[in-house]
């Protein structure tokens, strides 16, 4: 994969993070309702039907990308997985803070 391909891969993951956060934000509860007893059973279904497939799809694609880079011994490309993993960890952290 050329440097141009790596840029597209990182941009694609950034788009995936944005999509994940947008769909996940549909299940976030308002801060003033956090301690209230409200029906939230639908939130899990919405999350599993929208945000979770995006997370799983990109995780599998990133693992495949990493394995291809390691087999080809392209160490710089493989190290970029850390950058992309930081994107995803920040997105998951944001979701856990607001969910």
PDB file of N, CA and C in Angstrom:
ATOM      1  N   UNK A   1       0.847  -1.168   0.000  1.00  0.00           N
ATOM      2  CA  UNK A   1       0.000   0.000   0.000  1.00  0.00           C
ATOM      3  C   UNK A   1       0.895   1.234   0.000  1.00  0.00           C
ATOM      4  N   UNK A   2       0.625   2.164  -0.863  1.00  0.00           N
ATOM      5  CA  UNK A   2       1.423   3.379  -0.936  1.00  0.00           C
ATOM      6  C   UNK A   2       0.994   4.350   0.153  1.00  0.00           C
ATOM      7  N   UNK A   3       1.758   5.427   0.275  1.00  0.00           N
ATOM      8  CA  UNK A   3       1.419   6.438   1.270  1.00  0.00           C
ATOM      9  C   UNK A   3       0.046   7.022   0.983  1.00  0.00           C
ATOM     10  N   UNK A   4      -0.286   7.141  -0.302  1.00  0.00           N
ATOM     11  CA  UNK A   4      -1.602   7.645  -0.666  1.00  0.00           C
ATOM     12  C   UNK A   4      -2.691   6.688  -0.177  1.00  0.00           C
ATOM     13  N   UNK A   5      -2.444   5.395  -0.312  1.00  0.00           N
ATOM     14  CA  UNK A   5      -3.395   4.404   0.172  1.00  0.00           C
ATOM     15  C   UNK A   5      -3.556   4.451   1.679  1.00  0.00           C
ATOM     16  N   UNK A   6      -2.454   4.711   2.379  1.00  0.00           N
ATOM     17  CA  UNK A   6      -2.529   4.816   3.829  1.00  0.00           C
ATOM     18  C   UNK A   6      -3.341   6.031   4.249  1.00  0.00           C
ATOM     19  N   UNK A   7      -3.202   7.126   3.507  1.00  0.00           N
ATOM     20  CA  UNK A   7      -4.006   8.311   3.809  1.00  0.00           C
ATOM     21  C   UNK A   7      -5.493   8.002   3.640  1.00  0.00           C
ATOM     22  N   UNK A   8      -5.839   7.289   2.576  1.00  0.00           N
ATOM     23  CA  UNK A   8      -7.238   6.926   2.365  1.00  0.00           C
ATOM     24  C   UNK A   8      -7.733   5.990   3.454  1.00  0.00           C
ATOM     25  N   UNK A   9      -6.866   5.087   3.902  1.00  0.00           N
ATOM     26  CA  UNK A   9      -7.239   4.169   4.971  1.00  0.00           C
ATOM     27  C   UNK A   9      -7.520   4.929   6.270  1.00  0.00           C
ATOM     28  N   UNK A  10      -6.658   5.900   6.595  1.00  0.00           N
ATOM     29  CA  UNK A  10      -6.860   6.699   7.805  1.00  0.00           C
ATOM     30  C   UNK A  10      -8.107   7.567   7.666  1.00  0.00           C
ATOM     31  N   UNK A  11      -8.313   8.173   6.506  1.00  0.00           N
ATOM     32  CA  UNK A  11      -9.523   8.975   6.299  1.00  0.00           C
ATOM     33  C   UNK A  11     -10.781   8.123   6.374  1.00  0.00           C
ATOM     34  N   UNK A  12     -10.723   6.920   5.845  1.00  0.00           N
ATOM     35  CA  UNK A  12     -11.861   6.011   5.936  1.00  0.00           C
ATOM     36  C   UNK A  12     -12.190   5.660   7.369  1.00  0.00           C
ATOM     37  N   UNK A  13     -11.166   5.433   8.177  1.00  0.00           N
ATOM     38  CA  UNK A  13     -11.392   5.144   9.589  1.00  0.00           C
ATOM     39  C   UNK A  13     -11.923   6.373  10.321  1.00  0.00           C
ATOM     40  N   UNK A  14     -11.448   7.552   9.965  1.00  0.00           N
ATOM     41  CA  UNK A  14     -11.980   8.776  10.575  1.00  0.00           C
ATOM     42  C   UNK A  14     -13.459   8.931  10.244  1.00  0.00           C
ATOM     43  N   UNK A  15     -13.828   8.625   9.002  1.00  0.00           N
ATOM     44  CA  UNK A  15     -15.242   8.652   8.620  1.00  0.00           C
ATOM     45  C   UNK A  15     -16.026   7.603   9.416  1.00  0.00           C
ATOM     46  N   UNK A  16     -15.441   6.428   9.627  1.00  0.00           N
ATOM     47  CA  UNK A  16     -16.082   5.394  10.427  1.00  0.00           C
ATOM     48  C   UNK A  16     -16.297   5.839  11.864  1.00  0.00           C
ATOM     49  N   UNK A  17     -15.325   6.550  12.428  1.00  0.00           N
ATOM     50  CA  UNK A  17     -15.464   7.064  13.790  1.00  0.00           C
ATOM     51  C   UNK A  17     -16.607   8.066  13.861  1.00  0.00           C
ATOM     52  N   UNK A  18     -16.684   8.948  12.873  1.00  0.00           N
ATOM     53  CA  UNK A  18     -17.761   9.943  12.845  1.00  0.00           C
ATOM     54  C   UNK A  18     -19.121   9.254  12.725  1.00  0.00           C
ATOM     55  N   UNK A  19     -19.226   8.276  11.827  1.00  0.00           N
ATOM     56  CA  UNK A  19     -20.489   7.539  11.684  1.00  0.00           C
ATOM     57  C   UNK A  19     -20.847   6.805  12.972  1.00  0.00           C
ATOM     58  N   UNK A  20     -19.859   6.162  13.588  1.00  0.00           N
ATOM     59  CA  UNK A  20     -20.102   5.453  14.843  1.00  0.00           C
ATOM     60  C   UNK A  20     -20.639   6.404  15.902  1.00  0.00           C
ATOM     61  N   UNK A  21     -19.983   7.556  16.067  1.00  0.00           N
ATOM     62  CA  UNK A  21     -20.419   8.502  17.089  1.00  0.00           C
ATOM     63  C   UNK A  21     -21.787   9.084  16.777  1.00  0.00           C
ATOM     64  N   UNK A  22     -22.064   9.310  15.499  1.00  0.00           N
ATOM     65  CA  UNK A  22     -23.375   9.858  15.144  1.00  0.00           C
ATOM     66  C   UNK A  22     -24.481   8.859  15.474  1.00  0.00           C
ATOM     67  N   UNK A  23     -24.296   7.604  15.085  1.00  0.00           N
ATOM     68  CA  UNK A  23     -25.316   6.600  15.392  1.00  0.00           C
ATOM     69  C   UNK A  23     -25.382   6.307  16.884  1.00  0.00           C
ATOM     70  N   UNK A  24     -24.236   6.246  17.552  1.00  0.00           N
ATOM     71  CA  UNK A  24     -24.219   5.973  18.986  1.00  0.00           C
ATOM     72  C   UNK A  24     -24.863   7.114  19.763  1.00  0.00           C
ATOM     73  N   UNK A  25     -24.719   8.343  19.268  1.00  0.00           N
ATOM     74  CA  UNK A  25     -25.293   9.488  19.987  1.00  0.00           C
ATOM     75  C   UNK A  25     -26.817   9.441  20.003  1.00  0.00           C
ATOM     76  N   UNK A  26     -27.412   8.676  19.127  1.00  0.00           N
ATOM     77  CA  UNK A  26     -28.869   8.536  19.129  1.00  0.00           C
ATOM     78  C   UNK A  26     -29.360   7.805  20.380  1.00  0.00           C
ATOM     79  N   UNK A  27     -28.463   7.105  21.067  1.00  0.00           N
ATOM     80  CA  UNK A  27     -28.842   6.358  22.270  1.00  0.00           C
ATOM     81  C   UNK A  27     -28.394   7.055  23.553  1.00  0.00           C
ATOM     82  N   UNK A  28     -27.741   8.201  23.453  1.00  0.00           N
ATOM     83  CA  UNK A  28     -27.281   8.899  24.647  1.00  0.00           C
ATOM     84  C   UNK A  28     -28.465   9.542  25.351  1.00  0.00           C
ATOM     85  N   UNK A  29     -28.475   9.470  26.663  1.00  0.00           N
ATOM     86  CA  UNK A  29     -29.560  10.042  27.453  1.00  0.00           C
ATOM     87  C   UNK A  29     -29.181  11.473  27.850  1.00  0.00           C
ATOM     88  N   UNK A  30     -30.181  12.329  27.953  1.00  0.00           N
ATOM     89  CA  UNK A  30     -29.941  13.720  28.323  1.00  0.00           C
ATOM     90  C   UNK A  30     -29.394  13.783  29.749  1.00  0.00           C
ATOM     91  N   UNK A  31     -28.481  14.709  30.032  1.00  0.00           N
ATOM     92  CA  UNK A  31     -27.869  14.778  31.365  1.00  0.00           C
ATOM     93  C   UNK A  31     -28.893  14.983  32.488  1.00  0.00           C
ATOM     94  N   UNK A  32     -29.971  15.726  32.210  1.00  0.00           N
ATOM     95  CA  UNK A  32     -30.943  15.962  33.272  1.00  0.00           C
ATOM     96  C   UNK A  32     -31.800  14.735  33.576  1.00  0.00           C
ATOM     97  N   UNK A  33     -31.765  13.727  32.703  1.00  0.00           N
ATOM     98  CA  UNK A  33     -32.545  12.505  32.916  1.00  0.00           C
ATOM     99  C   UNK A  33     -31.694  11.331  33.398  1.00  0.00           C
ATOM    100  N   UNK A  34     -30.432  11.541  33.685  1.00  0.00           N
ATOM    101  CA  UNK A  34     -29.539  10.437  34.060  1.00  0.00           C
ATOM    102  C   UNK A  34     -30.001   9.674  35.293  1.00  0.00           C
ATOM    103  N   UNK A  35     -30.497  10.360  36.299  1.00  0.00           N
ATOM    104  CA  UNK A  35     -30.883   9.695  37.541  1.00  0.00           C
ATOM    105  C   UNK A  35     -32.368   9.354  37.590  1.00  0.00           C
ATOM    106  N   UNK A  36     -33.074   9.600  36.512  1.00  0.00           N
ATOM    107  CA  UNK A  36     -34.501   9.298  36.460  1.00  0.00           C
ATOM    108  C   UNK A  36     -34.710   7.860  36.013  1.00  0.00           C
ATOM    109  N   UNK A  37     -35.848   7.309  36.416  1.00  0.00           N
ATOM    110  CA  UNK A  37     -36.206   5.968  35.968  1.00  0.00           C
ATOM    111  C   UNK A  37     -36.978   6.135  34.662  1.00  0.00           C
ATOM    112  N   UNK A  38     -36.320   5.818  33.579  1.00  0.00           N
ATOM    113  CA  UNK A  38     -36.960   5.931  32.266  1.00  0.00           C
ATOM    114  C   UNK A  38     -36.766   4.618  31.520  1.00  0.00           C
ATOM    115  N   UNK A  39     -37.630   4.366  30.599  1.00  0.00           N
ATOM    116  CA  UNK A  39     -37.518   3.139  29.795  1.00  0.00           C
ATOM    117  C   UNK A  39     -36.400   3.334  28.786  1.00  0.00           C
ATOM    118  N   UNK A  40     -35.350   2.525  28.880  1.00  0.00           N
ATOM    119  CA  UNK A  40     -34.214   2.647  27.977  1.00  0.00           C
ATOM    120  C   UNK A  40     -33.966   1.349  27.227  1.00  0.00           C
ATOM    121  N   UNK A  41     -34.920   0.455  27.220  1.00  0.00           N
ATOM    122  CA  UNK A  41     -34.671  -0.840  26.579  1.00  0.00           C
ATOM    123  C   UNK A  41     -34.463  -0.698  25.078  1.00  0.00           C
ATOM    124  N   UNK A  42     -35.068   0.288  24.466  1.00  0.00           N
ATOM    125  CA  UNK A  42     -34.914   0.477  23.029  1.00  0.00           C
ATOM    126  C   UNK A  42     -33.545   0.997  22.641  1.00  0.00           C
ATOM    127  N   UNK A  43     -32.864   1.661  23.567  1.00  0.00           N
ATOM    128  CA  UNK A  43     -31.549   2.215  23.263  1.00  0.00           C
ATOM    129  C   UNK A  43     -30.542   1.134  22.887  1.00  0.00           C
ATOM    130  N   UNK A  44     -30.588   0.025  23.589  1.00  0.00           N
ATOM    131  CA  UNK A  44     -29.652  -1.064  23.286  1.00  0.00           C
ATOM    132  C   UNK A  44     -29.926  -1.640  21.903  1.00  0.00           C
ATOM    133  N   UNK A  45     -31.185  -1.748  21.540  1.00  0.00           N
ATOM    134  CA  UNK A  45     -31.516  -2.273  20.209  1.00  0.00           C
ATOM    135  C   UNK A  45     -31.074  -1.320  19.109  1.00  0.00           C
ATOM    136  N   UNK A  46     -31.255  -0.024  19.344  1.00  0.00           N
ATOM    137  CA  UNK A  46     -30.816   0.968  18.361  1.00  0.00           C
ATOM    138  C   UNK A  46     -29.297   0.920  18.222  1.00  0.00           C
ATOM    139  N   UNK A  47     -28.590   0.820  19.348  1.00  0.00           N
ATOM    140  CA  UNK A  47     -27.129   0.755  19.305  1.00  0.00           C
ATOM    141  C   UNK A  47     -26.659  -0.496  18.568  1.00  0.00           C
ATOM    142  N   UNK A  48     -27.255  -1.644  18.894  1.00  0.00           N
ATOM    143  CA  UNK A  48     -26.830  -2.899  18.263  1.00  0.00           C
ATOM    144  C   UNK A  48     -27.196  -2.956  16.783  1.00  0.00           C
ATOM    145  N   UNK A  49     -28.194  -2.214  16.377  1.00  0.00           N
ATOM    146  CA  UNK A  49     -28.593  -2.236  14.979  1.00  0.00           C
ATOM    147  C   UNK A  49     -27.895  -1.204  14.116  1.00  0.00           C
ATOM    148  N   UNK A  50     -27.284  -0.194  14.733  1.00  0.00           N
ATOM    149  CA  UNK A  50     -26.682   0.879  13.943  1.00  0.00           C
ATOM    150  C   UNK A  50     -25.182   1.044  14.215  1.00  0.00           C
ATOM    151  N   UNK A  51     -24.831   1.382  15.445  1.00  0.00           N
ATOM    152  CA  UNK A  51     -23.432   1.717  15.762  1.00  0.00           C
ATOM    153  C   UNK A  51     -22.551   0.481  15.887  1.00  0.00           C
ATOM    154  N   UNK A  52     -23.064  -0.575  16.480  1.00  0.00           N
ATOM    155  CA  UNK A  52     -22.241  -1.766  16.691  1.00  0.00           C
ATOM    156  C   UNK A  52     -21.773  -2.412  15.384  1.00  0.00           C
ATOM    157  N   UNK A  53     -22.619  -2.530  14.353  1.00  0.00           N
ATOM    158  CA  UNK A  53     -22.112  -3.089  13.086  1.00  0.00           C
ATOM    159  C   UNK A  53     -20.986  -2.260  12.468  1.00  0.00           C
ATOM    160  N   UNK A  54     -21.044  -0.948  12.623  1.00  0.00           N
ATOM    161  CA  UNK A  54     -19.968  -0.086  12.113  1.00  0.00           C
ATOM    162  C   UNK A  54     -18.675  -0.388  12.856  1.00  0.00           C
ATOM    163  N   UNK A  55     -18.765  -0.499  14.170  1.00  0.00           N
ATOM    164  CA  UNK A  55     -17.586  -0.807  14.984  1.00  0.00           C
ATOM    165  C   UNK A  55     -16.995  -2.164  14.610  1.00  0.00           C
ATOM    166  N   UNK A  56     -17.839  -3.158  14.463  1.00  0.00           N
ATOM    167  CA  UNK A  56     -17.361  -4.508  14.126  1.00  0.00           C
ATOM    168  C   UNK A  56     -16.756  -4.526  12.725  1.00  0.00           C
ATOM    169  N   UNK A  57     -17.411  -3.900  11.761  1.00  0.00           N
ATOM    170  CA  UNK A  57     -16.909  -3.879  10.385  1.00  0.00           C
ATOM    171  C   UNK A  57     -15.531  -3.231  10.299  1.00  0.00           C
ATOM    172  N   UNK A  58     -15.379  -2.083  10.927  1.00  0.00           N
ATOM    173  CA  UNK A  58     -14.088  -1.402  10.873  1.00  0.00           C
ATOM    174  C   UNK A  58     -13.026  -2.135  11.681  1.00  0.00           C
ATOM    175  N   UNK A  59     -13.416  -2.774  12.776  1.00  0.00           N
ATOM    176  CA  UNK A  59     -12.442  -3.550  13.552  1.00  0.00           C
ATOM    177  C   UNK A  59     -11.903  -4.718  12.745  1.00  0.00           C
ATOM    178  N   UNK A  60     -12.787  -5.427  12.072  1.00  0.00           N
ATOM    179  CA  UNK A  60     -12.344  -6.548  11.237  1.00  0.00           C
ATOM    180  C   UNK A  60     -11.485  -6.069  10.068  1.00  0.00           C
ATOM    181  N   UNK A  61     -11.889  -4.970   9.442  1.00  0.00           N
ATOM    182  CA  UNK A  61     -11.108  -4.427   8.320  1.00  0.00           C
ATOM    183  C   UNK A  61      -9.723  -3.980   8.794  1.00  0.00           C
ATOM    184  N   UNK A  62      -9.652  -3.375   9.966  1.00  0.00           N
ATOM    185  CA  UNK A  62      -8.362  -2.914  10.489  1.00  0.00           C
ATOM    186  C   UNK A  62      -7.465  -4.091  10.873  1.00  0.00           C
ATOM    187  N   UNK A  63      -8.043  -5.141  11.418  1.00  0.00           N
ATOM    188  CA  UNK A  63      -7.248  -6.335  11.724  1.00  0.00           C
ATOM    189  C   UNK A  63      -6.719  -6.988  10.455  1.00  0.00           C
ATOM    190  N   UNK A  64      -7.533  -7.024   9.411  1.00  0.00           N
ATOM    191  CA  UNK A  64      -7.078  -7.561   8.126  1.00  0.00           C
ATOM    192  C   UNK A  64      -5.961  -6.689   7.565  1.00  0.00           C
ATOM    193  N   UNK A  65      -6.131  -5.374   7.643  1.00  0.00           N
ATOM    194  CA  UNK A  65      -5.121  -4.455   7.135  1.00  0.00           C
ATOM    195  C   UNK A  65      -3.808  -4.648   7.895  1.00  0.00           C
ATOM    196  N   UNK A  66      -3.900  -4.774   9.225  1.00  0.00           N
ATOM    197  CA  UNK A  66      -2.702  -4.977  10.036  1.00  0.00           C
ATOM    198  C   UNK A  66      -2.008  -6.286   9.668  1.00  0.00           C
ATOM    199  N   UNK A  67      -2.772  -7.349   9.509  1.00  0.00           N
ATOM    200  CA  UNK A  67      -2.144  -8.635   9.177  1.00  0.00           C
ATOM    201  C   UNK A  67      -1.472  -8.580   7.812  1.00  0.00           C
ATOM    202  N   UNK A  68      -2.076  -7.916   6.846  1.00  0.00           N
ATOM    203  CA  UNK A  68      -1.443  -7.772   5.522  1.00  0.00           C
ATOM    204  C   UNK A  68      -0.150  -6.976   5.619  1.00  0.00           C
ATOM    205  N   UNK A  69      -0.140  -5.925   6.417  1.00  0.00           N
ATOM    206  CA  UNK A  69       1.062  -5.102   6.575  1.00  0.00           C
ATOM    207  C   UNK A  69       2.164  -5.886   7.281  1.00  0.00           C
ATOM    208  N   UNK A  70       1.810  -6.685   8.278  1.00  0.00           N
ATOM    209  CA  UNK A  70       2.829  -7.456   8.997  1.00  0.00           C
ATOM    210  C   UNK A  70       3.396  -8.571   8.126  1.00  0.00           C
ATOM    211  N   UNK A  71       2.553  -9.213   7.332  1.00  0.00           N
ATOM    212  CA  UNK A  71       3.034 -10.269   6.439  1.00  0.00           C
ATOM    213  C   UNK A  71       3.976  -9.684   5.388  1.00  0.00           C
ATOM    214  N   UNK A  72       3.646  -8.493   4.884  1.00  0.00           N
ATOM    215  CA  UNK A  72       4.486  -7.841   3.877  1.00  0.00           C
ATOM    216  C   UNK A  72       5.697  -7.143   4.492  1.00  0.00           C
ATOM    217  N   UNK A  73       5.799  -7.170   5.814  1.00  0.00           N
ATOM    218  CA  UNK A  73       6.898  -6.540   6.554  1.00  0.00           C
ATOM    219  C   UNK A  73       6.998  -5.044   6.287  1.00  0.00           C
ATOM    220  N   UNK A  74       5.850  -4.409   6.258  1.00  0.00           N
ATOM    221  CA  UNK A  74       5.804  -2.951   6.126  1.00  0.00           C
ATOM    222  C   UNK A  74       5.541  -2.385   7.516  1.00  0.00           C
ATOM    223  N   UNK A  75       6.607  -2.157   8.234  1.00  0.00           N
ATOM    224  CA  UNK A  75       6.504  -1.810   9.645  1.00  0.00           C
ATOM    225  C   UNK A  75       5.904  -0.434   9.859  1.00  0.00           C
ATOM    226  N   UNK A  76       6.248   0.525   9.009  1.00  0.00           N
ATOM    227  CA  UNK A  76       5.691   1.871   9.173  1.00  0.00           C
ATOM    228  C   UNK A  76       4.180   1.845   9.012  1.00  0.00           C
ATOM    229  N   UNK A  77       3.720   1.119   8.010  1.00  0.00           N
ATOM    230  CA  UNK A  77       2.278   1.009   7.796  1.00  0.00           C
ATOM    231  C   UNK A  77       1.604   0.313   8.965  1.00  0.00           C
ATOM    232  N   UNK A  78       2.263  -0.689   9.501  1.00  0.00           N
ATOM    233  CA  UNK A  78       1.682  -1.414  10.637  1.00  0.00           C
ATOM    234  C   UNK A  78       1.618  -0.528  11.879  1.00  0.00           C
ATOM    235  N   UNK A  79       2.590   0.382  12.027  1.00  0.00           N
ATOM    236  CA  UNK A  79       2.574   1.267  13.190  1.00  0.00           C
ATOM    237  C   UNK A  79       1.427   2.266  13.125  1.00  0.00           C
ATOM    238  N   UNK A  80       0.924   2.550  11.944  1.00  0.00           N
ATOM    239  CA  UNK A  80      -0.207   3.465  11.828  1.00  0.00           C
ATOM    240  C   UNK A  80      -1.472   2.901  12.458  1.00  0.00           C
ATOM    241  N   UNK A  81      -1.480   1.611  12.716  1.00  0.00           N
ATOM    242  CA  UNK A  81      -2.613   1.001  13.412  1.00  0.00           C
ATOM    243  C   UNK A  81      -2.772   1.649  14.788  1.00  0.00           C
ATOM    244  N   UNK A  82      -1.679   2.039  15.407  1.00  0.00           N
ATOM    245  CA  UNK A  82      -1.759   2.728  16.693  1.00  0.00           C
ATOM    246  C   UNK A  82      -2.495   4.048  16.600  1.00  0.00           C
ATOM    247  N   UNK A  83      -2.282   4.770  15.516  1.00  0.00           N
ATOM    248  CA  UNK A  83      -2.994   6.037  15.305  1.00  0.00           C
ATOM    249  C   UNK A  83      -4.483   5.776  15.149  1.00  0.00           C
ATOM    250  N   UNK A  84      -4.807   4.795  14.325  1.00  0.00           N
ATOM    251  CA  UNK A  84      -6.216   4.466  14.088  1.00  0.00           C
ATOM    252  C   UNK A  84      -6.856   3.901  15.357  1.00  0.00           C
ATOM    253  N   UNK A  85      -6.123   3.093  16.101  1.00  0.00           N
ATOM    254  CA  UNK A  85      -6.649   2.559  17.360  1.00  0.00           C
ATOM    255  C   UNK A  85      -6.928   3.685  18.347  1.00  0.00           C
ATOM    256  N   UNK A  86      -6.107   4.719  18.340  1.00  0.00           N
ATOM    257  CA  UNK A  86      -6.347   5.874  19.214  1.00  0.00           C
ATOM    258  C   UNK A  86      -7.642   6.585  18.824  1.00  0.00           C
ATOM    259  N   UNK A  87      -7.909   6.701  17.511  1.00  0.00           N
ATOM    260  CA  UNK A  87      -9.186   7.267  17.056  1.00  0.00           C
ATOM    261  C   UNK A  87     -10.358   6.494  17.643  1.00  0.00           C
ATOM    262  N   UNK A  88     -10.283   5.176  17.497  1.00  0.00           N
ATOM    263  CA  UNK A  88     -11.401   4.334  17.925  1.00  0.00           C
ATOM    264  C   UNK A  88     -11.529   4.312  19.441  1.00  0.00           C
ATOM    265  N   UNK A  89     -10.425   4.305  20.162  1.00  0.00           N
ATOM    266  CA  UNK A  89     -10.502   4.314  21.623  1.00  0.00           C
ATOM    267  C   UNK A  89     -11.096   5.630  22.123  1.00  0.00           C
ATOM    268  N   UNK A  90     -10.753   6.736  21.486  1.00  0.00           N
ATOM    269  CA  UNK A  90     -11.346   8.023  21.861  1.00  0.00           C
ATOM    270  C   UNK A  90     -12.851   8.019  21.581  1.00  0.00           C
ATOM    271  N   UNK A  91     -13.254   7.439  20.466  1.00  0.00           N
ATOM    272  CA  UNK A  91     -14.684   7.365  20.145  1.00  0.00           C
ATOM    273  C   UNK A  91     -15.427   6.491  21.146  1.00  0.00           C
ATOM    274  N   UNK A  92     -14.847   5.348  21.498  1.00  0.00           N
ATOM    275  CA  UNK A  92     -15.486   4.476  22.484  1.00  0.00           C
ATOM    276  C   UNK A  92     -15.551   5.144  23.849  1.00  0.00           C
ATOM    277  N   UNK A  93     -14.500   5.845  24.216  1.00  0.00           N
ATOM    278  CA  UNK A  93     -14.488   6.556  25.502  1.00  0.00           C
ATOM    279  C   UNK A  93     -15.570   7.627  25.530  1.00  0.00           C
ATOM    280  N   UNK A  94     -15.724   8.355  24.436  1.00  0.00           N
ATOM    281  CA  UNK A  94     -16.757   9.378  24.367  1.00  0.00           C
ATOM    282  C   UNK A  94     -18.142   8.744  24.479  1.00  0.00           C
ATOM    283  N   UNK A  95     -18.322   7.615  23.809  1.00  0.00           N
ATOM    284  CA  UNK A  95     -19.620   6.936  23.894  1.00  0.00           C
ATOM    285  C   UNK A  95     -19.894   6.477  25.318  1.00  0.00           C
ATOM    286  N   UNK A  96     -18.899   5.892  25.974  1.00  0.00           N
ATOM    287  CA  UNK A  96     -19.104   5.409  27.338  1.00  0.00           C
ATOM    288  C   UNK A  96     -19.368   6.551  28.311  1.00  0.00           C
ATOM    289  N   UNK A  97     -18.799   7.730  28.058  1.00  0.00           N
ATOM    290  CA  UNK A  97     -19.047   8.866  28.943  1.00  0.00           C
ATOM    291  C   UNK A  97     -20.471   9.369  28.838  1.00  0.00           C
ATOM    292  N   UNK A  98     -21.037   9.339  27.634  1.00  0.00           N
ATOM    293  CA  UNK A  98     -22.356   9.929  27.412  1.00  0.00           C
ATOM    294  C   UNK A  98     -23.489   8.918  27.388  1.00  0.00           C
ATOM    295  N   UNK A  99     -23.186   7.643  27.264  1.00  0.00           N
ATOM    296  CA  UNK A  99     -24.262   6.643  27.169  1.00  0.00           C
ATOM    297  C   UNK A  99     -24.902   6.391  28.508  1.00  0.00           C
TER     298      UNK A  99
END
